[in-house]
Amino acid sequence: MATALVSPEGLTEDDAHRRVRILLALATCMAAKGYRATTISDIAREGRVSKTVVYAHFRDKEHCLLELYTRATDAMLETVHAAQQRAVADGLSWPQRLRTAVHAYLEVLAANPDVAWAALVEVQAAGRHALALRRQVIDRYVELICGVASDLAEQHPDEVRPVDRALVLAAVGGLNELVLARVERGEAAHLDEDTDVATEVLVRLVTRRP
């Protein structure tokens, strides 16, 4: 996911690599000491660049975190979308399609534990702009699930129901807590072990009742 954290648009290849290093350096520092205690000097040292280079890319620490969170979220959603396309192409059943999407999401987080910590924990300590961005990200996940449920309801009307957005929001909140609990225990690398539980939540959410 590291190479997907930034867009190369408007940047030289060297600048794009430096930007990625700075973003990942912030994630590493936050995992070690938290957002509030992390300084620009810490980020520069971890990213093996000067403070001048950090400031050439980012106004301040908050700007850096907001881009890290945005790029990480984009990468995760792109991964989930690609997994869904493969699942459809492979002709998987609708529960297996949901499982494929869940597994893809958790697998990305598990492969990037420092970024997972940043996206799930530290963003909540980074002020109003970060919290507003977090709400936008939650809304994107809700819209994704609503869209998938709607598509599945059209394809399997006897088995799947379209679900109200409020119900999906409640489910996303619960899944977020499931993931957050494991990350807080320092077990981000094992997040994919929650695939079955998370899948069951979504399957039960969209299954049509008698």
Protein backbone atom coordinates (compact mmCIF):
# COMPACT_ATOMS: atom_id res chain seq x y z
CA MET A 1 0.00 0.00 0.00
CA ALA A 2 2.95 2.35 0.50
CA THR A 3 3.27 3.22 -3.17
CA ALA A 4 -0.47 3.96 -3.33
CA LEU A 5 -0.35 6.48 -0.52
CA VAL A 6 0.40 9.41 -2.80
CA SER A 7 -0.48 10.44 -6.30
CA PRO A 8 2.58 10.98 -8.52
CA GLU A 9 0.66 13.68 -10.37
CA GLY A 10 2.70 16.89 -10.42
CA LEU A 11 5.65 15.29 -8.60
CA THR A 12 8.99 14.02 -9.84
CA GLU A 13 9.72 10.37 -9.09
CA ASP A 14 12.19 11.38 -6.37
CA ASP A 15 9.69 13.76 -4.77
CA ALA A 16 6.98 11.09 -4.85
CA HIS A 17 9.30 8.65 -3.06
CA ARG A 18 10.24 11.29 -0.47
CA ARG A 19 6.56 12.06 0.12
CA VAL A 20 5.81 8.39 0.70
CA ARG A 21 8.74 8.12 3.11
CA ILE A 22 7.50 11.14 5.06
CA LEU A 23 3.97 9.75 5.31
CA LEU A 24 5.16 6.34 6.43
CA ALA A 25 7.61 7.96 8.84
CA LEU A 26 4.70 9.77 10.48
CA ALA A 27 2.83 6.47 10.81
CA THR A 28 5.87 4.80 12.38
CA CYS A 29 6.40 7.67 14.84
CA MET A 30 2.74 7.72 15.86
CA ALA A 31 2.77 3.98 16.46
CA ALA A 32 5.75 4.48 18.77
CA LYS A 33 4.81 7.65 20.68
CA GLY A 34 1.44 8.96 19.51
CA TYR A 35 0.36 11.88 17.35
CA ARG A 36 0.63 14.60 19.98
CA ALA A 37 4.17 13.66 21.04
CA THR A 38 5.46 13.26 17.48
CA THR A 39 7.39 16.25 16.12
CA ILE A 40 8.46 17.31 12.65
CA SER A 41 12.02 16.50 13.73
CA ASP A 42 10.91 12.95 14.56
CA ILE A 43 9.27 12.58 11.16
CA ALA A 44 12.34 13.93 9.35
CA ARG A 45 14.68 11.63 11.26
CA GLU A 46 12.53 8.54 10.66
CA GLY A 47 12.00 9.43 7.00
CA ARG A 48 15.71 10.13 6.46
CA VAL A 49 15.05 13.61 5.10
CA SER A 50 15.63 17.12 6.42
CA LYS A 51 12.97 19.20 8.16
CA THR A 52 13.17 21.53 5.17
CA VAL A 53 12.11 18.68 2.89
CA VAL A 54 9.21 17.78 5.20
CA TYR A 55 7.98 21.39 5.13
CA ALA A 56 8.42 21.49 1.34
CA HIS A 57 5.77 18.76 1.13
CA PHE A 58 3.52 19.51 4.09
CA ARG A 59 2.45 22.67 5.91
CA ASP A 60 2.58 20.96 9.27
CA LYS A 61 2.08 17.66 11.09
CA GLU A 62 -1.70 17.82 10.75
CA HIS A 63 -1.46 18.25 6.97
CA CYS A 64 0.79 15.19 6.86
CA LEU A 65 -1.64 13.08 8.89
CA LEU A 66 -4.64 14.14 6.81
CA GLU A 67 -2.89 13.09 3.61
CA LEU A 68 -1.73 9.81 5.16
CA TYR A 69 -5.30 9.03 6.22
CA THR A 70 -6.80 10.05 2.87
CA ARG A 71 -4.30 8.11 0.76
CA ALA A 72 -4.52 5.03 2.98
CA THR A 73 -8.31 5.08 2.78
CA ASP A 74 -8.24 5.47 -1.01
CA ALA A 75 -5.84 2.53 -1.28
CA MET A 76 -8.03 0.33 0.94
CA LEU A 77 -11.21 1.15 -0.97
CA GLU A 78 -9.49 0.51 -4.29
CA THR A 79 -8.31 -2.86 -2.98
CA VAL A 80 -11.82 -3.78 -1.84
CA HIS A 81 -13.30 -2.71 -5.18
CA ALA A 82 -10.74 -4.78 -7.10
CA ALA A 83 -11.46 -7.80 -4.88
CA GLN A 84 -15.17 -7.43 -5.55
CA GLN A 85 -14.60 -7.35 -9.29
CA ARG A 86 -12.53 -10.54 -9.10
CA ALA A 87 -15.19 -12.22 -6.97
CA VAL A 88 -17.88 -11.39 -9.54
CA ALA A 89 -15.68 -12.59 -12.39
CA ASP A 90 -15.04 -15.84 -10.53
CA GLY A 91 -18.78 -16.39 -10.09
CA LEU A 92 -18.68 -16.57 -6.30
CA SER A 93 -21.88 -16.73 -4.27
CA TRP A 94 -23.07 -13.48 -2.73
CA PRO A 95 -21.93 -14.44 0.82
CA GLN A 96 -18.52 -15.29 -0.59
CA ARG A 97 -18.44 -11.95 -2.41
CA LEU A 98 -18.99 -10.20 0.90
CA ARG A 99 -16.30 -12.32 2.52
CA THR A 100 -13.86 -11.48 -0.25
CA ALA A 101 -14.41 -7.74 0.28
CA VAL A 102 -14.01 -8.03 4.06
CA HIS A 103 -10.88 -10.15 3.76
CA ALA A 104 -9.31 -7.71 1.27
CA TYR A 105 -9.90 -4.80 3.65
CA LEU A 106 -8.52 -6.59 6.71
CA GLU A 107 -5.59 -7.99 4.77
CA VAL A 108 -4.47 -4.50 3.73
CA LEU A 109 -4.66 -3.27 7.33
CA ALA A 110 -2.82 -6.36 8.59
CA ALA A 111 0.00 -5.77 6.10
CA ASN A 112 0.41 -2.15 7.28
CA PRO A 113 0.04 -2.16 11.09
CA ASP A 114 1.52 1.33 11.60
CA VAL A 115 -0.85 2.80 9.03
CA ALA A 116 -3.73 0.85 10.63
CA TRP A 117 -2.83 2.40 13.99
CA ALA A 118 -2.74 5.87 12.42
CA ALA A 119 -6.07 5.44 10.63
CA LEU A 120 -7.97 3.87 13.51
CA VAL A 121 -6.44 5.40 16.64
CA GLU A 122 -4.33 8.49 16.08
CA VAL A 123 -6.70 10.24 13.69
CA GLN A 124 -9.10 10.62 16.62
CA ALA A 125 -6.52 12.66 18.54
CA ALA A 126 -5.61 15.02 15.72
CA GLY A 127 -8.23 17.75 16.01
CA ARG A 128 -11.40 18.86 14.29
CA HIS A 129 -10.16 18.60 10.70
CA ALA A 130 -9.08 15.01 11.24
CA LEU A 131 -12.39 14.13 12.90
CA ALA A 132 -14.30 15.70 10.01
CA LEU A 133 -12.22 13.69 7.56
CA ARG A 134 -12.84 10.55 9.61
CA ARG A 135 -16.60 11.15 9.30
CA GLN A 136 -16.23 11.45 5.52
CA VAL A 137 -14.29 8.18 5.46
CA ILE A 138 -16.96 6.39 7.52
CA ASP A 139 -19.58 7.74 5.11
CA ARG A 140 -17.60 6.32 2.18
CA TYR A 141 -17.59 2.87 3.78
CA VAL A 142 -21.32 3.15 4.48
CA GLU A 143 -22.02 4.12 0.87
CA LEU A 144 -19.88 1.22 -0.34
CA ILE A 145 -21.82 -1.33 1.70
CA CYS A 146 -25.17 0.23 0.77
CA GLY A 147 -24.21 0.00 -2.89
CA VAL A 148 -23.12 -3.62 -2.62
CA ALA A 149 -26.31 -4.54 -0.72
CA SER A 150 -28.44 -2.81 -3.35
CA ASP A 151 -26.69 -4.66 -6.18
CA LEU A 152 -27.01 -8.00 -4.41
CA ALA A 153 -30.71 -7.34 -3.67
CA GLU A 154 -31.32 -6.81 -7.41
CA GLN A 155 -29.42 -9.98 -8.32
CA HIS A 156 -30.79 -12.17 -5.50
CA PRO A 157 -34.16 -10.63 -4.50
CA ASP A 158 -35.32 -13.78 -2.70
CA GLU A 159 -32.25 -13.87 -0.47
CA VAL A 160 -30.93 -10.33 -0.07
CA ARG A 161 -32.70 -7.17 1.02
CA PRO A 162 -31.67 -3.55 0.46
CA VAL A 163 -30.80 -2.06 3.85
CA ASP A 164 -31.45 1.31 5.41
CA ARG A 165 -28.41 3.59 5.64
CA ALA A 166 -28.82 3.93 9.42
CA LEU A 167 -28.52 0.15 9.83
CA VAL A 168 -25.39 0.10 7.69
CA LEU A 169 -23.89 2.93 9.73
CA ALA A 170 -24.55 0.95 12.92
CA ALA A 171 -22.89 -2.12 11.38
CA VAL A 172 -19.87 -0.13 10.22
CA GLY A 173 -19.52 1.29 13.73
CA GLY A 174 -19.52 -2.19 15.19
CA LEU A 175 -17.01 -3.49 12.65
CA ASN A 176 -14.78 -0.49 13.33
CA GLU A 177 -14.79 -1.36 17.04
CA LEU A 178 -13.97 -4.99 16.23
CA VAL A 179 -10.94 -3.92 14.20
CA LEU A 180 -9.94 -1.19 16.66
CA ALA A 181 -9.93 -3.61 19.60
CA ARG A 182 -7.43 -5.89 17.86
CA VAL A 183 -5.24 -2.95 16.78
CA GLU A 184 -5.21 -1.56 20.33
CA ARG A 185 -4.04 -4.97 21.57
CA GLY A 186 -1.09 -4.76 19.20
CA GLU A 187 -2.49 -7.53 17.00
CA ALA A 188 -2.95 -5.62 13.74
CA ALA A 189 -0.94 -8.26 11.87
CA HIS A 190 -3.67 -10.78 12.74
CA LEU A 191 -6.65 -8.71 11.63
CA ASP A 192 -7.50 -11.17 8.87
CA GLU A 193 -8.46 -13.61 11.64
CA ASP A 194 -11.60 -11.49 12.13
CA THR A 195 -12.74 -12.11 8.56
CA ASP A 196 -15.40 -14.69 9.47
CA VAL A 197 -16.93 -12.60 12.27
CA ALA A 198 -17.02 -9.43 10.18
CA THR A 199 -18.49 -11.32 7.22
CA GLU A 200 -21.23 -12.81 9.39
CA VAL A 201 -22.23 -9.32 10.54
CA LEU A 202 -22.70 -8.19 6.93
CA VAL A 203 -24.40 -11.39 5.79
CA ARG A 204 -26.93 -11.17 8.62
CA LEU A 205 -27.43 -7.48 7.89
CA VAL A 206 -28.49 -8.03 4.27
CA THR A 207 -30.16 -11.45 4.48
CA ARG A 208 -33.87 -11.24 3.75
CA ARG A 209 -35.98 -12.44 6.67
CA PRO A 210 -38.97 -14.76 6.14
